[in-house]
Amino acid sequence: MTTSPAPQTDTEAAPEEVVPAHPWAELVPEHFLLLRLAPLPTDRHTGARPLRFIQLGRVERQSKQQSLLRLTLQLPGQRVRPEQNILDVWADHEQRIVRFGPDKGLSVEPENRGLGRFMLAQGIAWARQQFAHYQVESTPLPSKSAFSDEARARRDHCLKAQGFTVEYLDPLNIKAQCSAPRVSSLHGDWQSEKVQIIKLLDAAGMLQQADQSLHELDVKVRKLTERIEFFKREDGSLRFTITCLVAFCMFQAGLLIWMATR
């Protein structure tokens, strides 16, 4: 006895439609710059802020429909989450709209070092050169970037300093979005006293100066070591002399006592 296959019902879930990834989704940096993070006083929330050097990666793509600038920050000896330290600037030429991403929001590590404003400034400068008349798409701000009042104030100050308008959509100031009328209304400057771009020759000069300083310190350490060894030898001679004098004094005292008792 054969059984016929059960007919499909409307309640069965249809297969999910797979959306193909954008051809530029996995672009990796092609050009690199060295950044110097100036030493800053220790912050009670973010901790120590010492002198650091990090790498800025940059890649661009252009087509008739879209343009893309992708900036990435790479920290020596430190790994970050895949969604961190990445800024995408998309330009839609058909709708004449510029969008700043990623969709999950700009998350920068190390934080509170001026890197957020720096990356936004780099993206704005690139967009202003080519698409200054394009409109700026409103971008929702993730609530996790404002986990405290201080973090929210720091984020809003960063965006407003670059020309964005921050608008809150609920009375608790949790849901927010940033927007701007046009790319030309945004500002491409940043706190250069906190983040500095180091050119290749400047980096070579810094390495040369560091090597020279290490050589000078090595000479000073060698001279100090020689002086310490000299003082050690002198100390040994003095100890021997003192020991001899003590022994001689004890002999003289014993001799005097012997002569007095005779």
Protein backbone atom coordinates (compact mmCIF):
# COMPACT_ATOMS: atom_id res chain seq x y z
CA MET A 1 0.00 0.00 0.00
CA THR A 2 1.47 3.31 -1.06
CA THR A 3 0.93 6.57 0.71
CA SER A 4 0.70 9.86 -1.11
CA PRO A 5 2.86 12.74 0.11
CA ALA A 6 1.15 15.08 2.50
CA PRO A 7 0.06 18.30 0.84
CA GLN A 8 1.85 21.49 1.90
CA THR A 9 -0.16 23.69 4.18
CA ASP A 10 -0.12 27.45 4.37
CA THR A 11 1.29 27.25 7.89
CA GLU A 12 4.60 25.84 6.67
CA ALA A 13 7.27 28.52 6.69
CA ALA A 14 8.52 29.57 3.32
CA PRO A 15 12.30 29.41 2.84
CA GLU A 16 14.02 32.63 3.85
CA GLU A 17 15.24 34.75 1.01
CA VAL A 18 19.01 35.11 1.15
CA VAL A 19 20.08 38.66 0.47
CA PRO A 20 23.42 38.68 -1.37
CA ALA A 21 26.16 40.64 0.30
CA HIS A 22 27.28 43.87 -1.26
CA PRO A 23 30.44 43.45 -3.38
CA TRP A 24 32.18 46.06 -1.22
CA ALA A 25 31.11 44.54 2.10
CA GLU A 26 34.45 42.83 2.78
CA LEU A 27 36.83 45.50 1.56
CA VAL A 28 40.13 45.68 3.46
CA PRO A 29 42.36 48.75 3.83
CA GLU A 30 44.72 49.60 1.00
CA HIS A 31 46.41 52.76 2.29
CA PHE A 32 47.75 53.33 5.79
CA LEU A 33 48.71 56.26 8.01
CA LEU A 34 50.32 56.43 11.43
CA LEU A 35 48.40 58.25 14.16
CA ARG A 36 49.81 59.63 17.40
CA LEU A 37 47.50 59.81 20.39
CA ALA A 38 48.81 62.49 22.74
CA PRO A 39 49.11 61.57 26.43
CA LEU A 40 46.19 62.92 28.46
CA PRO A 41 45.36 63.01 32.17
CA THR A 42 43.79 59.87 33.61
CA ASP A 43 40.00 59.85 33.32
CA ARG A 44 37.97 58.43 36.22
CA HIS A 45 35.68 56.53 33.82
CA THR A 46 37.96 55.46 30.96
CA GLY A 47 41.18 55.07 32.95
CA ALA A 48 44.74 55.92 31.93
CA ARG A 49 45.36 57.70 28.64
CA PRO A 50 49.08 57.30 27.83
CA LEU A 51 50.94 58.11 24.62
CA ARG A 52 49.97 55.63 21.90
CA PHE A 53 50.58 55.03 18.21
CA ILE A 54 47.91 53.36 16.06
CA GLN A 55 47.33 52.74 12.37
CA LEU A 56 44.60 54.23 10.19
CA GLY A 57 43.55 52.14 7.20
CA ARG A 58 41.73 53.63 4.22
CA VAL A 59 40.04 52.22 1.12
CA GLU A 60 37.82 53.88 -1.53
CA ARG A 61 35.57 52.57 -4.25
CA GLN A 62 33.68 54.47 -6.96
CA SER A 63 30.90 53.44 -9.34
CA LYS A 64 28.13 55.17 -11.27
CA GLN A 65 25.58 54.26 -8.60
CA GLN A 66 27.59 54.50 -5.37
CA SER A 67 30.82 55.59 -3.76
CA LEU A 68 32.36 54.28 -0.55
CA LEU A 69 35.04 55.40 1.87
CA ARG A 70 35.97 52.94 4.61
CA LEU A 71 38.22 53.91 7.51
CA THR A 72 39.57 51.42 10.05
CA LEU A 73 41.73 51.77 13.14
CA GLN A 74 44.21 49.05 14.03
CA LEU A 75 45.74 48.85 17.51
CA PRO A 76 49.12 47.13 17.94
CA GLY A 77 48.89 44.14 20.26
CA GLN A 78 45.15 44.58 20.88
CA ARG A 79 42.09 43.03 19.27
CA VAL A 80 38.69 44.67 19.11
CA ARG A 81 35.24 43.46 18.09
CA PRO A 82 34.60 43.31 14.31
CA GLU A 83 32.10 46.18 14.46
CA GLN A 84 34.49 48.49 16.32
CA ASN A 85 36.89 51.05 14.83
CA ILE A 86 35.16 51.12 11.44
CA LEU A 87 33.53 54.07 9.70
CA ASP A 88 31.78 53.74 6.32
CA VAL A 89 30.70 56.74 4.26
CA TRP A 90 28.31 55.76 1.45
CA ALA A 91 27.26 58.13 -1.32
CA ASP A 92 24.16 57.25 -3.36
CA HIS A 93 24.46 59.10 -6.67
CA GLU A 94 20.91 58.35 -7.81
CA GLN A 95 19.23 59.79 -4.71
CA ARG A 96 22.11 62.20 -3.96
CA ILE A 97 22.33 61.10 -0.35
CA VAL A 98 25.35 60.49 1.87
CA ARG A 99 25.09 58.01 4.73
CA PHE A 100 27.50 57.60 7.62
CA GLY A 101 27.76 54.11 9.05
CA PRO A 102 28.02 51.40 10.19
CA ASP A 103 24.39 50.62 10.95
CA LYS A 104 25.21 49.63 14.54
CA GLY A 105 26.83 52.99 15.19
CA LEU A 106 30.41 54.20 15.36
CA SER A 107 32.22 52.48 18.24
CA VAL A 108 35.84 53.50 18.81
CA GLU A 109 38.49 51.91 21.00
CA PRO A 110 40.32 53.39 22.85
CA GLU A 111 37.52 55.77 23.78
CA ASN A 112 37.74 59.31 25.05
CA ARG A 113 40.90 59.98 23.02
CA GLY A 114 39.43 62.13 20.22
CA LEU A 115 39.30 59.29 17.68
CA GLY A 116 35.54 59.54 17.09
CA ARG A 117 35.78 63.16 15.95
CA PHE A 118 38.88 62.36 13.94
CA MET A 119 37.23 59.55 11.96
CA LEU A 120 34.09 61.63 11.36
CA ALA A 121 36.25 64.55 10.22
CA GLN A 122 38.10 62.35 7.74
CA GLY A 123 34.84 61.01 6.33
CA ILE A 124 33.29 64.49 6.14
CA ALA A 125 36.34 65.93 4.38
CA TRP A 126 36.15 63.16 1.77
CA ALA A 127 32.41 63.72 1.22
CA ARG A 128 32.75 67.52 1.04
CA GLN A 129 35.34 67.27 -1.71
CA GLN A 130 33.02 65.35 -4.03
CA PHE A 131 29.43 65.45 -2.78
CA ALA A 132 29.06 68.72 -0.86
CA HIS A 133 25.57 69.31 -2.33
CA TYR A 134 24.24 65.86 -1.34
CA GLN A 135 21.77 65.49 1.51
CA VAL A 136 22.76 63.62 4.70
CA GLU A 137 20.65 60.64 5.67
CA SER A 138 19.38 60.62 9.25
CA THR A 139 21.17 58.00 11.31
CA PRO A 140 19.71 56.33 14.44
CA LEU A 141 22.04 56.38 17.43
CA PRO A 142 22.32 53.10 19.34
CA SER A 143 21.35 53.33 22.98
CA LYS A 144 24.43 51.34 24.05
CA SER A 145 26.64 54.30 23.09
CA ALA A 146 24.88 56.36 25.80
CA PHE A 147 25.00 53.99 28.76
CA SER A 148 25.61 56.92 31.14
CA ASP A 149 24.91 60.62 31.19
CA GLU A 150 28.59 61.39 30.70
CA ALA A 151 28.91 59.00 27.75
CA ARG A 152 25.78 60.48 26.16
CA ALA A 153 27.07 64.02 26.65
CA ARG A 154 30.44 63.06 25.16
CA ARG A 155 28.77 61.43 22.14
CA ASP A 156 26.43 64.37 21.53
CA HIS A 157 29.28 66.88 21.85
CA CYS A 158 31.30 64.92 19.28
CA LEU A 159 28.43 64.90 16.77
CA LYS A 160 27.44 68.52 17.30
CA ALA A 161 31.05 69.66 16.94
CA GLN A 162 31.08 68.11 13.45
CA GLY A 163 27.84 69.88 12.46
CA PHE A 164 25.26 67.15 13.13
CA THR A 165 21.97 67.79 14.92
CA VAL A 166 21.06 65.32 17.66
CA GLU A 167 17.35 64.74 18.22
CA TYR A 168 15.83 62.59 20.98
CA LEU A 169 12.69 60.63 20.18
CA ASP A 170 11.53 59.73 23.69
CA PRO A 171 11.26 61.55 27.03
CA LEU A 172 13.90 59.30 28.64
CA ASN A 173 16.54 60.45 26.14
CA ILE A 174 17.31 56.88 25.07
CA LYS A 175 16.25 56.77 21.43
CA ALA A 176 18.01 59.40 19.37
CA GLN A 177 19.07 60.16 15.83
CA CYS A 178 21.53 62.55 14.24
CA SER A 179 21.01 64.42 11.00
CA ALA A 180 22.27 67.31 8.89
CA PRO A 181 20.71 69.18 5.96
CA ARG A 182 23.61 68.78 3.53
CA VAL A 183 27.18 67.57 3.48
CA SER A 184 28.38 71.16 3.08
CA SER A 185 26.99 72.00 6.53
CA LEU A 186 29.32 69.51 8.24
CA HIS A 187 32.77 70.34 9.60
CA GLY A 188 35.94 68.48 8.68
CA ASP A 189 38.13 69.53 11.61
CA TRP A 190 39.08 67.63 14.75
CA GLN A 191 41.07 68.05 17.96
CA SER A 192 44.53 67.95 16.42
CA GLU A 193 46.15 68.34 19.84
CA LYS A 194 44.78 64.89 20.72
CA VAL A 195 45.15 63.02 17.41
CA GLN A 196 47.99 63.77 15.01
CA ILE A 197 48.73 62.28 11.60
CA ILE A 198 52.40 61.27 11.44
CA LYS A 199 53.93 61.43 7.97
CA LEU A 200 56.49 58.86 6.84
CA LEU A 201 59.48 61.19 7.14
CA ASP A 202 58.28 62.39 10.55
CA ALA A 203 57.96 58.80 11.72
CA ALA A 204 61.47 58.06 10.45
CA GLY A 205 62.76 61.14 12.28
CA MET A 206 61.05 60.02 15.49
CA LEU A 207 62.64 56.57 15.21
CA GLN A 208 66.04 58.10 14.54
CA GLN A 209 65.68 60.44 17.52
CA ALA A 210 64.55 57.56 19.72
CA ASP A 211 67.54 55.48 18.62
CA GLN A 212 69.88 58.38 19.37
CA SER A 213 68.29 58.88 22.78
CA LEU A 214 68.70 55.17 23.55
CA HIS A 215 72.37 55.37 22.54
CA GLU A 216 72.91 58.39 24.80
CA LEU A 217 71.17 56.62 27.68
CA ASP A 218 73.31 53.55 27.08
CA VAL A 219 76.47 55.70 27.34
CA LYS A 220 75.18 57.29 30.57
CA VAL A 221 74.30 53.89 32.04
CA ARG A 222 77.74 52.55 31.15
CA LYS A 223 79.46 55.52 32.82
CA LEU A 224 77.31 55.15 35.92
CA THR A 225 78.09 51.43 36.04
CA GLU A 226 81.81 52.18 35.86
CA ARG A 227 81.49 54.71 38.70
CA ILE A 228 79.56 52.21 40.80
CA GLU A 229 82.28 49.59 40.24
CA PHE A 230 84.94 52.16 41.18
CA PHE A 231 83.10 53.05 44.38
CA LYS A 232 82.71 49.35 45.18
CA ARG A 233 86.48 48.88 44.87
CA GLU A 234 87.10 51.99 46.97
CA ASP A 235 84.62 50.73 49.55
CA GLY A 236 86.43 47.41 49.74
CA SER A 237 89.79 49.14 50.25
CA LEU A 238 88.34 51.38 52.96
CA ARG A 239 86.78 48.41 54.74
CA PHE A 240 90.11 46.58 54.72
CA THR A 241 91.91 49.70 56.03
CA ILE A 242 89.35 50.19 58.78
CA THR A 243 89.62 46.54 59.79
CA CYS A 244 93.41 46.83 60.00
CA LEU A 245 93.15 50.01 62.08
CA VAL A 246 90.68 48.39 64.47
CA ALA A 247 92.95 45.37 64.88
CA PHE A 248 95.97 47.60 65.49
CA CYS A 249 94.07 49.68 68.07
CA MET A 250 92.97 46.53 69.89
CA PHE A 251 96.58 45.30 69.88
CA GLN A 252 97.80 48.63 71.25
CA ALA A 253 95.11 48.62 73.94
CA GLY A 254 96.02 45.08 74.93
CA LEU A 255 99.70 45.98 75.04
CA LEU A 256 99.03 49.00 77.27
CA ILE A 257 96.88 46.94 79.60
CA TRP A 258 99.62 44.30 79.85
CA MET A 259 102.28 46.91 80.56
CA ALA A 260 100.09 48.58 83.23
CA THR A 261 99.46 45.30 85.05
CA ARG A 262 103.11 44.35 85.17
